[in-house]
N, C-alpha and C. Protein backbone atom coordinates (compact mmCIF):
# COMPACT_ATOMS: atom_id res chain seq x y z
N MET A 1 -108.79 -91.66 10.58
CA MET A 1 -107.57 -90.97 10.19
C MET A 1 -106.41 -91.95 10.20
N SER A 2 -105.53 -91.77 9.25
CA SER A 2 -104.33 -92.60 9.23
C SER A 2 -103.18 -91.80 9.82
N THR A 3 -102.18 -92.50 10.29
CA THR A 3 -101.02 -91.85 10.87
C THR A 3 -99.83 -92.07 9.96
N LYS A 4 -99.09 -91.02 9.71
CA LYS A 4 -97.92 -91.07 8.84
C LYS A 4 -96.72 -90.56 9.63
N THR A 5 -95.58 -91.17 9.43
CA THR A 5 -94.36 -90.71 10.10
C THR A 5 -93.52 -89.94 9.10
N SER A 6 -93.15 -88.72 9.47
CA SER A 6 -92.36 -87.87 8.59
C SER A 6 -90.90 -88.31 8.62
N GLU A 7 -90.10 -87.68 7.73
CA GLU A 7 -88.68 -88.00 7.67
C GLU A 7 -87.98 -87.73 9.00
N SER A 8 -88.51 -86.77 9.76
CA SER A 8 -87.90 -86.45 11.05
C SER A 8 -88.33 -87.42 12.14
N GLY A 9 -89.23 -88.36 11.79
CA GLY A 9 -89.68 -89.34 12.75
C GLY A 9 -90.88 -88.91 13.56
N VAL A 10 -91.46 -87.76 13.21
CA VAL A 10 -92.62 -87.26 13.94
C VAL A 10 -93.88 -87.84 13.30
N ALA A 11 -94.76 -88.41 14.11
CA ALA A 11 -96.00 -88.97 13.60
C ALA A 11 -97.01 -87.85 13.40
N THR A 12 -97.66 -87.84 12.25
CA THR A 12 -98.68 -86.84 11.96
C THR A 12 -99.95 -87.55 11.54
N SER A 13 -101.08 -86.95 11.84
CA SER A 13 -102.36 -87.52 11.44
C SER A 13 -102.73 -86.98 10.08
N MET A 14 -103.10 -87.87 9.19
CA MET A 14 -103.51 -87.49 7.85
C MET A 14 -104.96 -87.91 7.66
N PRO A 15 -105.84 -87.00 7.21
CA PRO A 15 -107.21 -87.41 6.97
C PRO A 15 -107.27 -88.39 5.80
N SER A 16 -108.16 -89.37 5.90
CA SER A 16 -108.30 -90.31 4.79
C SER A 16 -109.00 -89.63 3.63
N VAL A 17 -108.89 -90.20 2.44
CA VAL A 17 -109.53 -89.64 1.26
C VAL A 17 -111.03 -89.48 1.49
N ASN A 18 -111.66 -90.43 2.16
CA ASN A 18 -113.10 -90.35 2.41
C ASN A 18 -113.46 -89.13 3.24
N GLN A 19 -112.58 -88.68 4.10
CA GLN A 19 -112.86 -87.51 4.93
C GLN A 19 -112.68 -86.21 4.17
N LEU A 20 -112.11 -86.27 2.98
CA LEU A 20 -111.86 -85.06 2.22
C LEU A 20 -112.91 -84.82 1.14
N LYS A 21 -114.03 -85.54 1.20
CA LYS A 21 -115.12 -85.27 0.26
C LYS A 21 -115.77 -83.96 0.66
N THR A 22 -116.22 -83.21 -0.34
CA THR A 22 -116.79 -81.91 -0.04
C THR A 22 -118.20 -82.03 0.49
N MET A 23 -118.59 -81.05 1.29
CA MET A 23 -119.95 -81.01 1.83
C MET A 23 -120.95 -80.69 0.71
N LYS A 24 -120.59 -79.79 -0.21
CA LYS A 24 -121.50 -79.37 -1.26
C LYS A 24 -121.78 -80.48 -2.27
N ASP A 25 -120.76 -81.22 -2.62
CA ASP A 25 -120.91 -82.29 -3.61
C ASP A 25 -120.13 -83.51 -3.13
N PRO A 26 -120.82 -84.46 -2.52
CA PRO A 26 -120.12 -85.62 -1.96
C PRO A 26 -119.42 -86.48 -3.01
N GLU A 27 -119.70 -86.26 -4.28
CA GLU A 27 -119.02 -87.01 -5.34
C GLU A 27 -117.64 -86.43 -5.66
N VAL A 28 -117.37 -85.22 -5.20
CA VAL A 28 -116.08 -84.56 -5.45
C VAL A 28 -115.14 -84.91 -4.30
N VAL A 29 -114.00 -85.48 -4.64
CA VAL A 29 -112.99 -85.83 -3.64
C VAL A 29 -111.85 -84.82 -3.73
N LEU A 30 -111.51 -84.23 -2.60
CA LEU A 30 -110.41 -83.27 -2.56
C LEU A 30 -109.09 -84.00 -2.31
N VAL A 31 -108.02 -83.48 -2.88
CA VAL A 31 -106.68 -84.00 -2.62
C VAL A 31 -105.85 -82.87 -2.05
N ARG A 32 -104.86 -83.22 -1.28
CA ARG A 32 -103.99 -82.22 -0.65
C ARG A 32 -102.76 -82.02 -1.54
N ILE A 33 -102.38 -80.74 -1.72
CA ILE A 33 -101.16 -80.42 -2.44
C ILE A 33 -100.25 -79.63 -1.50
N ASN A 34 -98.97 -79.69 -1.74
CA ASN A 34 -97.99 -78.94 -0.95
C ASN A 34 -97.12 -78.13 -1.88
N ALA A 35 -96.84 -76.92 -1.50
CA ALA A 35 -95.95 -76.07 -2.29
C ALA A 35 -95.16 -75.19 -1.34
N GLN A 36 -93.92 -74.96 -1.67
CA GLN A 36 -93.11 -74.04 -0.88
C GLN A 36 -93.11 -72.70 -1.58
N ILE A 37 -93.50 -71.67 -0.84
CA ILE A 37 -93.50 -70.31 -1.36
C ILE A 37 -92.77 -69.42 -0.35
N THR A 38 -92.38 -68.26 -0.80
CA THR A 38 -91.67 -67.35 0.10
C THR A 38 -92.65 -66.77 1.13
N GLU A 39 -92.09 -66.24 2.21
CA GLU A 39 -92.94 -65.58 3.22
C GLU A 39 -93.70 -64.42 2.60
N LYS A 40 -93.03 -63.69 1.71
CA LYS A 40 -93.65 -62.55 1.04
C LYS A 40 -94.84 -63.00 0.18
N GLN A 41 -94.66 -64.10 -0.54
CA GLN A 41 -95.75 -64.64 -1.36
C GLN A 41 -96.91 -65.10 -0.47
N HIS A 42 -96.59 -65.74 0.64
CA HIS A 42 -97.62 -66.22 1.56
C HIS A 42 -98.41 -65.03 2.11
N GLN A 43 -97.71 -64.01 2.55
CA GLN A 43 -98.37 -62.81 3.08
C GLN A 43 -99.25 -62.17 2.00
N LYS A 44 -98.74 -62.11 0.78
CA LYS A 44 -99.47 -61.49 -0.32
C LYS A 44 -100.78 -62.23 -0.62
N ILE A 45 -100.73 -63.55 -0.68
CA ILE A 45 -101.94 -64.31 -1.00
C ILE A 45 -102.94 -64.28 0.15
N LYS A 46 -102.44 -64.30 1.40
CA LYS A 46 -103.34 -64.23 2.55
C LYS A 46 -104.06 -62.88 2.59
N ILE A 47 -103.34 -61.80 2.33
CA ILE A 47 -103.95 -60.46 2.32
C ILE A 47 -104.96 -60.38 1.19
N HIS A 48 -104.60 -60.87 0.02
CA HIS A 48 -105.52 -60.84 -1.13
C HIS A 48 -106.78 -61.65 -0.83
N ALA A 49 -106.62 -62.81 -0.22
CA ALA A 49 -107.76 -63.64 0.13
C ALA A 49 -108.67 -62.92 1.12
N THR A 50 -108.09 -62.33 2.15
CA THR A 50 -108.87 -61.62 3.17
C THR A 50 -109.63 -60.45 2.57
N LYS A 51 -108.94 -59.66 1.74
CA LYS A 51 -109.59 -58.50 1.12
C LYS A 51 -110.73 -58.91 0.19
N ASN A 52 -110.67 -60.12 -0.35
CA ASN A 52 -111.69 -60.59 -1.28
C ASN A 52 -112.65 -61.59 -0.64
N ASN A 53 -112.59 -61.69 0.69
CA ASN A 53 -113.49 -62.56 1.44
C ASN A 53 -113.43 -64.02 0.96
N LYS A 54 -112.23 -64.49 0.71
CA LYS A 54 -112.02 -65.85 0.21
C LYS A 54 -110.94 -66.53 1.04
N THR A 55 -110.82 -67.83 0.85
CA THR A 55 -109.72 -68.57 1.46
C THR A 55 -108.62 -68.75 0.42
N VAL A 56 -107.44 -69.09 0.89
CA VAL A 56 -106.34 -69.37 -0.04
C VAL A 56 -106.72 -70.55 -0.92
N ARG A 57 -107.39 -71.56 -0.33
CA ARG A 57 -107.83 -72.71 -1.11
C ARG A 57 -108.76 -72.28 -2.25
N GLU A 58 -109.67 -71.36 -1.96
CA GLU A 58 -110.58 -70.88 -3.01
C GLU A 58 -109.82 -70.15 -4.11
N LEU A 59 -108.85 -69.32 -3.73
CA LEU A 59 -108.06 -68.60 -4.73
C LEU A 59 -107.29 -69.56 -5.63
N ILE A 60 -106.66 -70.56 -5.03
CA ILE A 60 -105.89 -71.53 -5.82
C ILE A 60 -106.83 -72.33 -6.72
N GLY A 61 -107.98 -72.76 -6.18
CA GLY A 61 -108.95 -73.49 -6.99
C GLY A 61 -109.44 -72.67 -8.18
N GLU A 62 -109.73 -71.38 -7.96
CA GLU A 62 -110.17 -70.51 -9.03
C GLU A 62 -109.08 -70.33 -10.08
N PHE A 63 -107.84 -70.21 -9.63
CA PHE A 63 -106.73 -70.08 -10.57
C PHE A 63 -106.64 -71.34 -11.44
N ILE A 64 -106.69 -72.50 -10.81
CA ILE A 64 -106.58 -73.76 -11.56
C ILE A 64 -107.76 -73.92 -12.51
N ASP A 65 -108.97 -73.58 -12.06
CA ASP A 65 -110.14 -73.68 -12.92
C ASP A 65 -110.02 -72.79 -14.15
N GLY A 66 -109.28 -71.69 -14.04
CA GLY A 66 -109.09 -70.77 -15.16
C GLY A 66 -108.05 -71.21 -16.17
N LEU A 67 -107.29 -72.24 -15.84
CA LEU A 67 -106.28 -72.75 -16.77
C LEU A 67 -106.96 -73.49 -17.92
N PRO A 68 -106.33 -73.47 -19.11
CA PRO A 68 -106.93 -74.22 -20.21
C PRO A 68 -106.94 -75.72 -19.93
N ASP A 69 -107.97 -76.39 -20.42
CA ASP A 69 -108.05 -77.85 -20.27
C ASP A 69 -106.94 -78.52 -21.06
N VAL A 70 -106.47 -79.64 -20.55
CA VAL A 70 -105.43 -80.40 -21.24
C VAL A 70 -106.09 -81.57 -21.98
N GLY A 71 -105.48 -81.91 -23.10
CA GLY A 71 -105.97 -83.08 -23.85
C GLY A 71 -107.08 -82.77 -24.67
């Protein structure tokens, strides 16, 4: 793991890219994304995920997979 210092000066541990390879397909490398959403949006997606037996990551991945290909 690498250590990164935030703007506030707090050191955080960040997993290396090699640690983010998926268990199902070791050739697929995951990347981390960050987005700011409202508390209401967060609650809504968490409830939707729970009701559908999925994780938020799975919901976002499915949404992105459903977008048209570019290029």
